[in-house]
C-alpha atoms as a PDB file:
ATOM      1  CA  MET A   1      49.748-100.265 236.675  1.00  0.00           C
ATOM      2  CA  THR A   2      46.102-101.236 236.451  1.00  0.00           C
ATOM      3  CA  GLU A   3      44.513-102.864 233.407  1.00  0.00           C
ATOM      4  CA  LYS A   4      42.536 -99.672 232.784  1.00  0.00           C
ATOM      5  CA  SER A   5      45.737 -97.593 232.784  1.00  0.00           C
ATOM      6  CA  LYS A   6      47.395 -99.979 230.319  1.00  0.00           C
ATOM      7  CA  LYS A   7      44.458 -99.780 227.930  1.00  0.00           C
ATOM      8  CA  PHE A   8      44.457 -95.973 228.201  1.00  0.00           C
ATOM      9  CA  LYS A   9      48.173 -95.819 227.324  1.00  0.00           C
ATOM     10  CA  ILE A  10      47.724 -98.130 224.330  1.00  0.00           C
ATOM     11  CA  VAL A  11      44.805 -96.062 223.023  1.00  0.00           C
ATOM     12  CA  ASN A  12      46.802 -92.865 223.576  1.00  0.00           C
ATOM     13  CA  VAL A  13      49.773 -94.197 221.574  1.00  0.00           C
ATOM     14  CA  LEU A  14      47.521 -95.397 218.741  1.00  0.00           C
ATOM     15  CA  ILE A  15      45.828 -91.991 218.529  1.00  0.00           C
ATOM     16  CA  GLN A  16      49.204 -90.217 218.323  1.00  0.00           C
ATOM     17  CA  VAL A  17      50.442 -92.598 215.604  1.00  0.00           C
ATOM     18  CA  PHE A  18      47.225 -92.073 213.656  1.00  0.00           C
ATOM     19  CA  ILE A  19      47.558 -88.267 213.857  1.00  0.00           C
ATOM     20  CA  TRP A  20      51.177 -88.306 212.657  1.00  0.00           C
ATOM     21  CA  ILE A  21      50.298 -90.597 209.745  1.00  0.00           C
ATOM     22  CA  ILE A  22      47.435 -88.305 208.710  1.00  0.00           C
ATOM     23  CA  LEU A  23      49.747 -85.277 208.825  1.00  0.00           C
ATOM     24  CA  ALA A  24      52.455 -87.070 206.845  1.00  0.00           C
ATOM     25  CA  PHE A  25      50.090 -88.107 204.080  1.00  0.00           C
ATOM     26  CA  PHE A  26      48.131 -84.853 204.022  1.00  0.00           C
ATOM     27  CA  PRO A  27      49.488 -83.962 200.540  1.00  0.00           C
ATOM     28  CA  VAL A  28      47.786 -87.102 199.207  1.00  0.00           C
ATOM     29  CA  LEU A  29      44.500 -85.803 200.589  1.00  0.00           C
ATOM     30  CA  SER A  30      45.270 -82.510 198.840  1.00  0.00           C
ATOM     31  CA  PHE A  31      45.840 -84.408 195.546  1.00  0.00           C
ATOM     32  CA  SER A  32      49.518 -83.332 195.523  1.00  0.00           C
ATOM     33  CA  THR A  33      50.856 -86.789 194.872  1.00  0.00           C
ATOM     34  CA  THR A  34      54.282 -86.277 193.295  1.00  0.00           C
ATOM     35  CA  PRO A  35      56.985 -88.488 194.869  1.00  0.00           C
ATOM     36  CA  VAL A  36      59.093 -85.495 195.868  1.00  0.00           C
ATOM     37  CA  VAL A  37      56.147 -83.833 197.637  1.00  0.00           C
ATOM     38  CA  MET A  38      55.394 -87.074 199.460  1.00  0.00           C
ATOM     39  CA  PHE A  39      59.017 -87.531 200.531  1.00  0.00           C
ATOM     40  CA  LYS A  40      59.301 -83.911 201.656  1.00  0.00           C
ATOM     41  CA  SER A  41      56.058 -84.148 203.616  1.00  0.00           C
ATOM     42  CA  ILE A  42      57.016 -87.389 205.390  1.00  0.00           C
ATOM     43  CA  SER A  43      60.533 -86.091 206.128  1.00  0.00           C
ATOM     44  CA  THR A  44      59.144 -82.877 207.611  1.00  0.00           C
ATOM     45  CA  ILE A  45      56.670 -84.762 209.790  1.00  0.00           C
ATOM     46  CA  ILE A  46      59.486 -87.013 211.053  1.00  0.00           C
ATOM     47  CA  LEU A  47      61.501 -83.930 212.002  1.00  0.00           C
ATOM     48  CA  LEU A  48      58.522 -82.327 213.753  1.00  0.00           C
ATOM     49  CA  ALA A  49      57.657 -85.574 215.548  1.00  0.00           C
ATOM     50  CA  GLY A  50      61.251 -85.847 216.720  1.00  0.00           C
ATOM     51  CA  LEU A  51      61.105 -82.264 218.005  1.00  0.00           C
ATOM     52  CA  PHE A  52      57.750 -82.955 219.676  1.00  0.00           C
ATOM     53  CA  TYR A  53      58.876 -86.049 221.613  1.00  0.00           C
ATOM     54  CA  LEU A  54      62.391 -84.792 222.346  1.00  0.00           C
ATOM     55  CA  ASN A  55      60.889 -81.686 223.864  1.00  0.00           C
ATOM     56  CA  MET A  56      58.197 -83.569 225.791  1.00  0.00           C
ATOM     57  CA  TYR A  57      60.310 -86.405 227.230  1.00  0.00           C
ATOM     58  CA  TRP A  58      63.732 -84.763 227.664  1.00  0.00           C
ATOM     59  CA  LEU A  59      63.846 -80.972 227.381  1.00  0.00           C
ATOM     60  CA  ILE A  60      60.751 -80.175 229.442  1.00  0.00           C
ATOM     61  CA  PRO A  61      61.455 -82.556 232.375  1.00  0.00           C
ATOM     62  CA  THR A  62      65.216 -81.899 232.379  1.00  0.00           C
ATOM     63  CA  PHE A  63      65.278 -78.133 231.903  1.00  0.00           C
ATOM     64  CA  LEU A  64      61.877 -76.403 231.898  1.00  0.00           C
ATOM     65  CA  PHE A  65      60.421 -78.217 234.941  1.00  0.00           C
ATOM     66  CA  LYS A  66      63.712 -77.730 236.783  1.00  0.00           C
ATOM     67  CA  LYS A  67      63.617 -73.966 236.222  1.00  0.00           C
ATOM     68  CA  LYS A  68      66.497 -73.893 233.725  1.00  0.00           C
ATOM     69  CA  LYS A  69      64.445 -71.650 231.476  1.00  0.00           C
ATOM     70  CA  TRP A  70      67.203 -69.906 229.494  1.00  0.00           C
ATOM     71  CA  LEU A  71      69.028 -73.127 228.745  1.00  0.00           C
ATOM     72  CA  TYR A  72      65.719 -74.641 227.638  1.00  0.00           C
ATOM     73  CA  ILE A  73      65.039 -71.701 225.279  1.00  0.00           C
ATOM     74  CA  PHE A  74      68.576 -71.924 223.850  1.00  0.00           C
ATOM     75  CA  LEU A  75      68.215 -75.653 223.115  1.00  0.00           C
ATOM     76  CA  ILE A  76      64.785 -75.147 221.549  1.00  0.00           C
ATOM     77  CA  MET A  77      66.136 -72.411 219.253  1.00  0.00           C
ATOM     78  CA  ALA A  78      69.059 -74.637 218.323  1.00  0.00           C
ATOM     79  CA  LEU A  79      66.717 -77.509 217.429  1.00  0.00           C
ATOM     80  CA  VAL A  80      64.477 -75.237 215.339  1.00  0.00           C
ATOM     81  CA  LEU A  81      67.530 -73.917 213.460  1.00  0.00           C
ATOM     82  CA  LEU A  82      68.674 -77.498 212.908  1.00  0.00           C
ATOM     83  CA  ILE A  83      65.297 -78.418 211.442  1.00  0.00           C
ATOM     84  CA  ILE A  84      65.399 -75.360 209.158  1.00  0.00           C
ATOM     85  CA  LEU A  85      68.896 -76.373 208.018  1.00  0.00           C
ATOM     86  CA  ILE A  86      67.840 -79.975 207.300  1.00  0.00           C
ATOM     87  CA  ASN A  87      64.747 -78.714 205.514  1.00  0.00           C
ATOM     88  CA  GLY A  88      66.925 -76.436 203.351  1.00  0.00           C
ATOM     89  CA  ILE A  89      69.219 -79.353 202.505  1.00  0.00           C
ATOM     90  CA  TYR A  90      66.172 -81.330 201.341  1.00  0.00           C
ATOM     91  CA  ASP A  91      65.192 -78.416 199.095  1.00  0.00           C
ATOM     92  CA  LYS A  92      68.619 -78.238 197.489  1.00  0.00           C
ATOM     93  CA  ILE A  93      69.067 -81.987 197.024  1.00  0.00           C
ATOM     94  CA  PHE A  94      65.741 -82.496 195.299  1.00  0.00           C
ATOM     95  CA  ASP A  95      65.466 -79.046 193.756  1.00  0.00           C
ATOM     96  CA  PHE A  96      62.036 -78.901 195.289  1.00  0.00           C
ATOM     97  CA  GLU A  97      60.789 -75.699 193.712  1.00  0.00           C
ATOM     98  CA  ASN A  98      61.958 -76.610 190.211  1.00  0.00           C
ATOM     99  CA  LEU A  99      60.111 -79.942 190.369  1.00  0.00           C
ATOM    100  CA  ILE A 100      56.845 -78.262 191.334  1.00  0.00           C
ATOM    101  CA  PHE A 101      57.171 -75.188 189.138  1.00  0.00           C
ATOM    102  CA  ARG A 102      58.415 -76.641 185.879  1.00  0.00           C
ATOM    103  CA  ASN A 103      59.111 -73.242 184.310  1.00  0.00           C
ATOM    104  CA  PRO A 104      60.725 -71.008 186.920  1.00  0.00           C
ATOM    105  CA  PRO A 105      61.068 -67.345 185.990  1.00  0.00           C
ATOM    106  CA  GLN A 106      64.466 -66.293 184.639  1.00  0.00           C
ATOM    107  CA  LEU A 107      66.338 -63.953 186.884  1.00  0.00           C
ATOM    108  CA  THR A 108      67.567 -60.779 185.164  1.00  0.00           C
ATOM    109  CA  GLN A 109      68.910 -57.500 186.262  1.00  0.00           C
ATOM    110  CA  ASN A 110      65.359 -56.155 186.019  1.00  0.00           C
ATOM    111  CA  HIS A 111      64.137 -58.919 188.345  1.00  0.00           C
ATOM    112  CA  PRO A 112      66.587 -59.221 191.213  1.00  0.00           C
ATOM    113  CA  PRO A 113      66.181 -62.185 193.567  1.00  0.00           C
ATOM    114  CA  LYS A 114      63.845 -61.684 196.499  1.00  0.00           C
ATOM    115  CA  MET A 115      63.858 -63.083 200.005  1.00  0.00           C
ATOM    116  CA  GLY A 116      62.564 -66.440 198.754  1.00  0.00           C
ATOM    117  CA  SER A 117      64.518 -68.532 201.233  1.00  0.00           C
ATOM    118  CA  THR A 118      63.134 -66.559 204.145  1.00  0.00           C
ATOM    119  CA  PHE A 119      59.537 -66.982 203.029  1.00  0.00           C
ATOM    120  CA  ARG A 120      60.182 -70.620 202.185  1.00  0.00           C
ATOM    121  CA  ASN A 121      61.280 -71.237 205.800  1.00  0.00           C
ATOM    122  CA  MET A 122      58.248 -69.594 207.352  1.00  0.00           C
ATOM    123  CA  PRO A 123      56.022 -72.735 207.242  1.00  0.00           C
ATOM    124  CA  ILE A 124      58.661 -74.954 208.883  1.00  0.00           C
ATOM    125  CA  ILE A 125      59.297 -72.296 211.560  1.00  0.00           C
ATOM    126  CA  PHE A 126      55.570 -72.013 212.223  1.00  0.00           C
ATOM    127  CA  PHE A 127      55.040 -75.770 212.458  1.00  0.00           C
ATOM    128  CA  SER A 128      58.118 -76.159 214.684  1.00  0.00           C
ATOM    129  CA  ILE A 129      56.789 -73.566 217.130  1.00  0.00           C
ATOM    130  CA  PHE A 130      53.371 -75.207 216.934  1.00  0.00           C
ATOM    131  CA  ALA A 131      54.866 -78.650 217.727  1.00  0.00           C
ATOM    132  CA  ILE A 132      56.751 -77.163 220.692  1.00  0.00           C
ATOM    133  CA  ALA A 133      53.624 -75.454 222.041  1.00  0.00           C
ATOM    134  CA  ILE A 134      51.549 -78.621 221.690  1.00  0.00           C
ATOM    135  CA  SER A 135      54.204 -80.770 223.384  1.00  0.00           C
ATOM    136  CA  VAL A 136      54.511 -78.308 226.290  1.00  0.00           C
ATOM    137  CA  SER A 137      50.720 -78.232 226.710  1.00  0.00           C
ATOM    138  CA  TYR A 138      50.447 -82.008 226.412  1.00  0.00           C
ATOM    139  CA  LYS A 139      53.215 -82.559 228.971  1.00  0.00           C
ATOM    140  CA  ALA A 140      51.750 -80.035 231.405  1.00  0.00           C
ATOM    141  CA  ILE A 141      48.293 -81.609 231.195  1.00  0.00           C
ATOM    142  CA  SER A 142      49.770 -85.122 231.530  1.00  0.00           C
ATOM    143  CA  GLU A 143      51.734 -84.124 234.636  1.00  0.00           C
ATOM    144  CA  TYR A 144      48.643 -82.486 236.129  1.00  0.00           C
ATOM    145  CA  LEU A 145      46.513 -85.588 235.523  1.00  0.00           C
ATOM    146  CA  LYS A 146      49.308 -87.791 236.877  1.00  0.00           C
ATOM    147  CA  LYS A 147      49.515 -85.773 240.086  1.00  0.00           C
ATOM    148  CA  GLU A 148      45.749 -85.826 240.403  1.00  0.00           C
ATOM    149  CA  GLN A 149      45.781 -89.628 240.073  1.00  0.00           C
ATOM    150  CA  GLU A 150      48.591 -89.896 242.628  1.00  0.00           C
ATOM    151  CA  ASN A 151      46.633 -87.684 245.012  1.00  0.00           C
ATOM    152  CA  LYS A 152      43.552 -89.865 244.555  1.00  0.00           C
ATOM    153  CA  GLU A 153      45.575 -92.999 245.228  1.00  0.00           C
ATOM    154  CA  PHE A 154      47.106 -91.380 248.313  1.00  0.00           C
ATOM    155  CA  VAL A 155      43.654 -90.387 249.588  1.00  0.00           C
ATOM    156  CA  ASN A 156      42.353 -93.912 248.917  1.00  0.00           C
ATOM    157  CA  GLN A 157      45.301 -95.458 250.746  1.00  0.00           C
ATOM    158  CA  LYS A 158      44.745 -93.108 253.659  1.00  0.00           C
ATOM    159  CA  LEU A 159      41.027 -93.895 253.598  1.00  0.00           C
ATOM    160  CA  ASN A 160      41.679 -97.641 253.616  1.00  0.00           C
ATOM    161  CA  ALA A 161      44.164 -97.275 256.463  1.00  0.00           C
ATOM    162  CA  GLU A 162      41.708 -95.265 258.564  1.00  0.00           C
ATOM    163  CA  LEU A 163      38.887 -97.712 257.817  1.00  0.00           C
ATOM    164  CA  ALA A 164      41.132-100.631 258.750  1.00  0.00           C
ATOM    165  CA  MET A 165      41.901 -98.915 262.036  1.00  0.00           C
ATOM    166  CA  LEU A 166      38.227 -98.274 262.721  1.00  0.00           C
ATOM    167  CA  LYS A 167      37.294-101.853 261.865  1.00  0.00           C
ATOM    168  CA  SER A 168      40.062-103.148 264.111  1.00  0.00           C
ATOM    169  CA  GLN A 169      38.347-101.258 266.927  1.00  0.00           C
ATOM    170  CA  ILE A 170      34.943-102.655 265.992  1.00  0.00           C
ATOM    171  CA  ASN A 171      35.790-106.343 265.670  1.00  0.00           C
ATOM    172  CA  PRO A 172      37.408-107.014 269.076  1.00  0.00           C
ATOM    173  CA  HIS A 173      34.697-105.059 270.908  1.00  0.00           C
ATOM    174  CA  PHE A 174      31.968-106.885 269.013  1.00  0.00           C
ATOM    175  CA  LEU A 175      33.626-110.262 269.532  1.00  0.00           C
ATOM    176  CA  PHE A 176      34.073-109.738 273.282  1.00  0.00           C
ATOM    177  CA  ASN A 177      30.383-108.950 273.691  1.00  0.00           C
ATOM    178  CA  ILE A 178      29.310-112.029 271.749  1.00  0.00           C
ATOM    179  CA  LEU A 179      31.697-114.280 273.694  1.00  0.00           C
ATOM    180  CA  ASN A 180      30.285-112.903 276.938  1.00  0.00           C
ATOM    181  CA  ASP A 181      26.790-113.727 275.694  1.00  0.00           C
ATOM    182  CA  ILE A 182      27.791-117.291 274.802  1.00  0.00           C
ATOM    183  CA  CYS A 183      29.576-117.638 278.132  1.00  0.00           C
ATOM    184  CA  SER A 184      26.370-116.694 279.931  1.00  0.00           C
ATOM    185  CA  LEU A 185      24.531-119.401 277.946  1.00  0.00           C
ATOM    186  CA  ALA A 186      27.153-121.962 278.866  1.00  0.00           C
ATOM    187  CA  LEU A 187      26.964-121.034 282.563  1.00  0.00           C
ATOM    188  CA  ARG A 188      23.215-121.546 282.430  1.00  0.00           C
ATOM    189  CA  LYS A 189      23.838-124.868 280.628  1.00  0.00           C
ATOM    190  CA  SER A 190      21.508-123.741 277.896  1.00  0.00           C
ATOM    191  CA  ASN A 191      20.747-126.095 275.025  1.00  0.00           C
ATOM    192  CA  ASP A 192      21.236-123.126 272.692  1.00  0.00           C
ATOM    193  CA  THR A 193      24.958-122.842 273.416  1.00  0.00           C
ATOM    194  CA  ALA A 194      26.004-125.039 270.473  1.00  0.00           C
ATOM    195  CA  ASN A 195      23.649-123.196 268.107  1.00  0.00           C
ATOM    196  CA  ALA A 196      25.032-119.874 269.297  1.00  0.00           C
ATOM    197  CA  ILE A 197      28.599-121.009 268.608  1.00  0.00           C
ATOM    198  CA  ILE A 198      27.602-122.000 265.050  1.00  0.00           C
ATOM    199  CA  LYS A 199      26.006-118.603 264.459  1.00  0.00           C
ATOM    200  CA  LEU A 200      29.091-116.930 265.883  1.00  0.00           C
ATOM    201  CA  SER A 201      31.249-118.804 263.367  1.00  0.00           C
ATOM    202  CA  ASP A 202      29.031-117.444 260.577  1.00  0.00           C
ATOM    203  CA  LEU A 203      29.468-113.930 261.950  1.00  0.00           C
ATOM    204  CA  MET A 204      33.229-114.376 262.252  1.00  0.00           C
ATOM    205  CA  ARG A 205      33.465-115.662 258.676  1.00  0.00           C
ATOM    206  CA  TYR A 206      31.758-112.497 257.439  1.00  0.00           C
ATOM    207  CA  MET A 207      33.891-110.225 259.621  1.00  0.00           C
ATOM    208  CA  ILE A 208      37.182-111.835 258.531  1.00  0.00           C
ATOM    209  CA  TYR A 209      36.586-112.412 254.831  1.00  0.00           C
ATOM    210  CA  ASP A 210      33.633-110.439 253.423  1.00  0.00           C
ATOM    211  CA  SER A 211      34.102-107.231 255.413  1.00  0.00           C
ATOM    212  CA  SER A 212      37.756-106.841 254.390  1.00  0.00           C
ATOM    213  CA  THR A 213      36.652-104.769 251.372  1.00  0.00           C
ATOM    214  CA  VAL A 214      35.525-101.142 251.393  1.00  0.00           C
ATOM    215  CA  LYS A 215      32.027-102.065 250.177  1.00  0.00           C
ATOM    216  CA  VAL A 216      29.910-105.235 250.233  1.00  0.00           C
ATOM    217  CA  GLU A 217      26.553-106.198 248.800  1.00  0.00           C
ATOM    218  CA  LEU A 218      23.668-104.917 250.871  1.00  0.00           C
ATOM    219  CA  GLU A 219      22.166-108.401 250.944  1.00  0.00           C
ATOM    220  CA  LYS A 220      25.250-109.778 252.737  1.00  0.00           C
ATOM    221  CA  GLU A 221      25.254-106.954 255.275  1.00  0.00           C
ATOM    222  CA  LEU A 222      21.558-107.484 256.053  1.00  0.00           C
ATOM    223  CA  GLN A 223      22.124-111.220 256.396  1.00  0.00           C
ATOM    224  CA  TYR A 224      24.919-110.492 258.845  1.00  0.00           C
ATOM    225  CA  ILE A 225      22.634-108.230 260.891  1.00  0.00           C
ATOM    226  CA  GLU A 226      19.920-110.906 260.896  1.00  0.00           C
ATOM    227  CA  ASN A 227      22.398-113.519 262.124  1.00  0.00           C
ATOM    228  CA  TYR A 228      23.459-111.180 264.907  1.00  0.00           C
ATOM    229  CA  ILE A 229      19.847-110.559 265.970  1.00  0.00           C
ATOM    230  CA  ASN A 230      19.110-114.296 265.940  1.00  0.00           C
ATOM    231  CA  LEU A 231      22.144-114.862 268.136  1.00  0.00           C
ATOM    232  CA  GLN A 232      20.877-112.243 270.568  1.00  0.00           C
ATOM    233  CA  LYS A 233      17.449-113.873 270.612  1.00  0.00           C
ATOM    234  CA  ILE A 234      19.063-117.093 271.783  1.00  0.00           C
ATOM    235  CA  ARG A 235      20.698-115.239 274.662  1.00  0.00           C
ATOM    236  CA  ILE A 236      17.761-113.160 275.874  1.00  0.00           C
ATOM    237  CA  ALA A 237      15.009-115.675 275.019  1.00  0.00           C
ATOM    238  CA  ASP A 238      11.620-113.983 275.623  1.00  0.00           C
ATOM    239  CA  ALA A 239      12.878-111.291 277.990  1.00  0.00           C
ATOM    240  CA  VAL A 240      12.781-108.612 275.299  1.00  0.00           C
ATOM    241  CA  LYS A 241      10.362-108.087 272.432  1.00  0.00           C
ATOM    242  CA  ILE A 242      12.318-107.590 269.200  1.00  0.00           C
ATOM    243  CA  ASP A 243      10.794-106.085 266.085  1.00  0.00           C
ATOM    244  CA  TYR A 244      13.090-106.440 263.110  1.00  0.00           C
ATOM    245  CA  ILE A 245      11.623-105.112 259.883  1.00  0.00           C
ATOM    246  CA  VAL A 246      13.410-104.936 256.529  1.00  0.00           C
ATOM    247  CA  ILE A 247      11.854-103.455 253.405  1.00  0.00           C
ATOM    248  CA  ALA A 248      14.422-103.601 250.608  1.00  0.00           C
ATOM    249  CA  ASP A 249      14.067-103.340 246.843  1.00  0.00           C
ATOM    250  CA  ASN A 250      17.744-102.993 245.911  1.00  0.00           C
ATOM    251  CA  MET A 251      19.646-105.851 247.527  1.00  0.00           C
ATOM    252  CA  ASP A 252      22.350-105.626 244.857  1.00  0.00           C
ATOM    253  CA  LYS A 253      23.473-102.188 246.079  1.00  0.00           C
ATOM    254  CA  GLN A 254      26.824-101.728 247.830  1.00  0.00           C
ATOM    255  CA  ILE A 255      27.316-100.556 251.414  1.00  0.00           C
ATOM    256  CA  ALA A 256      30.253-100.211 253.792  1.00  0.00           C
ATOM    257  CA  PRO A 257      30.486-103.379 255.909  1.00  0.00           C
ATOM    258  CA  LEU A 258      29.849-103.270 259.664  1.00  0.00           C
ATOM    259  CA  LEU A 259      28.530 -99.723 259.424  1.00  0.00           C
ATOM    260  CA  LEU A 260      25.033-100.333 260.824  1.00  0.00           C
ATOM    261  CA  ILE A 261      25.803-102.965 263.427  1.00  0.00           C
ATOM    262  CA  PRO A 262      27.166-100.628 266.182  1.00  0.00           C
ATOM    263  CA  PHE A 263      23.754 -98.941 266.541  1.00  0.00           C
ATOM    264  CA  ILE A 264      21.998-102.316 266.717  1.00  0.00           C
ATOM    265  CA  GLU A 265      24.564-103.716 269.121  1.00  0.00           C
ATOM    266  CA  ASN A 266      24.122-100.675 271.357  1.00  0.00           C
ATOM    267  CA  ALA A 267      20.367-101.317 271.545  1.00  0.00           C
ATOM    268  CA  PHE A 268      20.935-104.863 272.754  1.00  0.00           C
ATOM    269  CA  LYS A 269      23.592-103.752 275.216  1.00  0.00           C
ATOM    270  CA  HIS A 270      21.591-100.963 276.839  1.00  0.00           C
ATOM    271  CA  GLY A 271      17.959-101.797 276.017  1.00  0.00           C
ATOM    272  CA  ILE A 272      17.600-105.141 277.772  1.00  0.00           C
ATOM    273  CA  SER A 273      15.876-105.488 281.121  1.00  0.00           C
ATOM    274  CA  TYR A 274      14.656-108.638 282.816  1.00  0.00           C
ATOM    275  CA  ALA A 275      12.743-106.646 285.440  1.00  0.00           C
ATOM    276  CA  TYR A 276      10.743-104.334 283.138  1.00  0.00           C
ATOM    277  CA  ASP A 277       9.038-104.590 279.803  1.00  0.00           C
ATOM    278  CA  ALA A 278      11.683-104.029 277.175  1.00  0.00           C
ATOM    279  CA  ARG A 279      11.366-103.627 273.447  1.00  0.00           C
ATOM    280  CA  ILE A 280      13.870-103.133 270.654  1.00  0.00           C
ATOM    281  CA  ILE A 281      12.677-101.887 267.271  1.00  0.00           C
ATOM    282  CA  ILE A 282      14.937-102.137 264.239  1.00  0.00           C
ATOM    283  CA  GLN A 283      13.696-100.927 260.857  1.00  0.00           C
ATOM    284  CA  ILE A 284      15.722-100.873 257.645  1.00  0.00           C
ATOM    285  CA  ASN A 285      14.202 -99.452 254.475  1.00  0.00           C
ATOM    286  CA  THR A 286      15.847 -99.167 251.074  1.00  0.00           C
ATOM    287  CA  LYS A 287      14.524 -97.613 247.898  1.00  0.00           C
ATOM    288  CA  GLY A 288      16.724 -96.867 244.928  1.00  0.00           C
ATOM    289  CA  ASN A 289      19.981 -95.454 246.319  1.00  0.00           C
ATOM    290  CA  PHE A 290      18.386 -94.432 249.596  1.00  0.00           C
ATOM    291  CA  LEU A 291      18.714 -96.415 252.846  1.00  0.00           C
ATOM    292  CA  SER A 292      17.248 -95.566 256.221  1.00  0.00           C
ATOM    293  CA  LEU A 293      17.885 -97.212 259.577  1.00  0.00           C
ATOM    294  CA  MET A 294      15.877 -96.672 262.734  1.00  0.00           C
ATOM    295  CA  VAL A 295      16.855 -98.304 266.011  1.00  0.00           C
ATOM    296  CA  LYS A 296      14.820 -97.633 269.159  1.00  0.00           C
ATOM    297  CA  ASN A 297      15.168 -99.153 272.608  1.00  0.00           C
ATOM    298  CA  ASN A 298      13.970 -98.535 276.150  1.00  0.00           C
ATOM    299  CA  LYS A 299      16.179 -96.773 278.651  1.00  0.00           C
ATOM    300  CA  TYR A 300      16.467 -97.559 282.308  1.00  0.00           C
ATOM    301  CA  SER A 301      18.230 -95.771 285.129  1.00  0.00           C
ATOM    302  CA  THR A 302      21.156 -98.205 285.041  1.00  0.00           C
ATOM    303  CA  ASN A 303      21.709 -97.826 281.301  1.00  0.00           C
ATOM    304  CA  GLU A 304      24.338 -95.624 279.741  1.00  0.00           C
ATOM    305  CA  SER A 305      23.852 -93.787 276.494  1.00  0.00           C
ATOM    306  CA  PHE A 306      25.665 -94.778 273.335  1.00  0.00           C
ATOM    307  CA  GLN A 307      27.684 -91.580 273.417  1.00  0.00           C
ATOM    308  CA  HIS A 308      29.217 -92.469 276.787  1.00  0.00           C
ATOM    309  CA  ASP A 309      30.023 -96.060 275.959  1.00  0.00           C
ATOM    310  CA  ASP A 310      33.699 -96.140 276.884  1.00  0.00           C
ATOM    311  CA  SER A 311      34.056 -99.870 276.253  1.00  0.00           C
ATOM    312  CA  GLY A 312      32.918 -99.704 272.629  1.00  0.00           C
ATOM    313  CA  ILE A 313      33.800 -97.749 269.561  1.00  0.00           C
ATOM    314  CA  GLY A 314      31.397 -94.965 270.493  1.00  0.00           C
ATOM    315  CA  LEU A 315      29.453 -92.544 268.389  1.00  0.00           C
ATOM    316  CA  GLU A 316      32.575 -90.682 267.271  1.00  0.00           C
ATOM    317  CA  ASN A 317      33.981 -93.775 265.575  1.00  0.00           C
ATOM    318  CA  VAL A 318      30.783 -94.333 263.580  1.00  0.00           C
ATOM    319  CA  ARG A 319      30.694 -90.689 262.553  1.00  0.00           C
ATOM    320  CA  LYS A 320      34.273 -90.962 261.281  1.00  0.00           C
ATOM    321  CA  GLN A 321      33.330 -93.904 259.084  1.00  0.00           C
ATOM    322  CA  LEU A 322      30.337 -92.033 257.725  1.00  0.00           C
ATOM    323  CA  GLU A 323      32.484 -88.974 256.991  1.00  0.00           C
ATOM    324  CA  LEU A 324      35.109 -91.085 255.238  1.00  0.00           C
ATOM    325  CA  LEU A 325      32.770 -93.189 253.137  1.00  0.00           C
ATOM    326  CA  TYR A 326      29.655 -91.033 252.723  1.00  0.00           C
ATOM    327  CA  PRO A 327      30.676 -87.377 253.049  1.00  0.00           C
ATOM    328  CA  GLN A 328      27.612 -85.152 252.631  1.00  0.00           C
ATOM    329  CA  ASN A 329      25.573 -88.260 251.803  1.00  0.00           C
ATOM    330  CA  TYR A 330      24.250 -89.135 255.238  1.00  0.00           C
ATOM    331  CA  LYS A 331      22.145 -87.737 258.042  1.00  0.00           C
ATOM    332  CA  LEU A 332      22.502 -89.112 261.554  1.00  0.00           C
ATOM    333  CA  THR A 333      19.948 -88.152 264.203  1.00  0.00           C
ATOM    334  CA  ILE A 334      20.121 -89.374 267.802  1.00  0.00           C
ATOM    335  CA  ASN A 335      17.243 -88.725 270.170  1.00  0.00           C
ATOM    336  CA  ASP A 336      18.234 -89.477 273.761  1.00  0.00           C
ATOM    337  CA  THR A 337      15.223 -88.999 276.017  1.00  0.00           C
ATOM    338  CA  GLU A 338      14.486 -90.101 279.552  1.00  0.00           C
ATOM    339  CA  LYS A 339      12.739 -93.318 278.505  1.00  0.00           C
ATOM    340  CA  PHE A 340      13.883 -94.054 274.949  1.00  0.00           C
ATOM    341  CA  TYR A 341      17.029 -93.974 272.906  1.00  0.00           C
ATOM    342  CA  THR A 342      16.464 -93.611 269.162  1.00  0.00           C
ATOM    343  CA  VAL A 343      18.930 -93.586 266.298  1.00  0.00           C
ATOM    344  CA  GLU A 344      17.903 -92.594 262.776  1.00  0.00           C
ATOM    345  CA  LEU A 345      20.347 -92.842 259.907  1.00  0.00           C
ATOM    346  CA  GLU A 346      19.623 -91.765 256.346  1.00  0.00           C
ATOM    347  CA  LEU A 347      22.189 -92.840 253.791  1.00  0.00           C
ATOM    348  CA  THR A 348      22.643 -92.347 250.080  1.00  0.00           C
ATOM    349  CA  LEU A 349      24.388 -95.427 248.702  1.00  0.00           C
ATOM    350  CA  ASP A 350      26.838 -95.292 245.785  1.00  0.00           C
END
């Protein structure tokens, strides 16, 4: 049980106790303060509270919810009759009417007794039925809210499981590409090999620890992307012109980790050419809750499109993450022309 659920239960119990106390001492508020009236009021409230909670925690779950309707009705009628009987005993023991009406009328043959006991029981019957109705409604609403919460938790668990699966597909693919890049540096005996390994450790630290949550701070995600781009710059040197532009005014916002990197990684995988002029443009803009990403790279005859990248997670994987985390809050546009490949993502952050 979460801390929020515990606090809600405590508040709920306190509210119920407060309501019962108010009902028990209602005669005081009505300036009817005789001891007998007070005792009768408190005793009646105790009986009604007992009926309320017995019905809510035992009768409803055991009989009504299990479709034993007639047995439930029989037990309810028996409990109401029991309360009427106890209430009548209270009246006789304390001579309730005589204490309130000091001078009761004398019964004569001209004034035969009326159905006083029947009318006297009407309030307790009414309040008993009212307590039963309230307890049934309260229990039904509680069960509905409980099932709704369980459904939400189930959906969240399913969401986390699917995201974990998608991330498990991202990380190995991403790592293999980076290791290949570092391997190429080592084969060329580049002085940047050690620096690349250090940057890779920073990327791995983020992937293992920070990205294990559903959302991370936007600032951390952008720092991760910058580290990745810097690592790629070490590998490709001056072979490709890279324009990386970030305009952000809400770095404290939350975003799903590793959501943007597949598009950027794809640009470096398919947009690099040592024989032709190549350029990769990456623009990230944020304003309020709105984030936009634009990635554009050159295409050459030997390049494959992102959609047909069998070795990576592919476009379908990214779409699944967007559908899971930002349903109806994103727009993904891919423009695959003869010379350029452009990805535009518009995202509404939480």
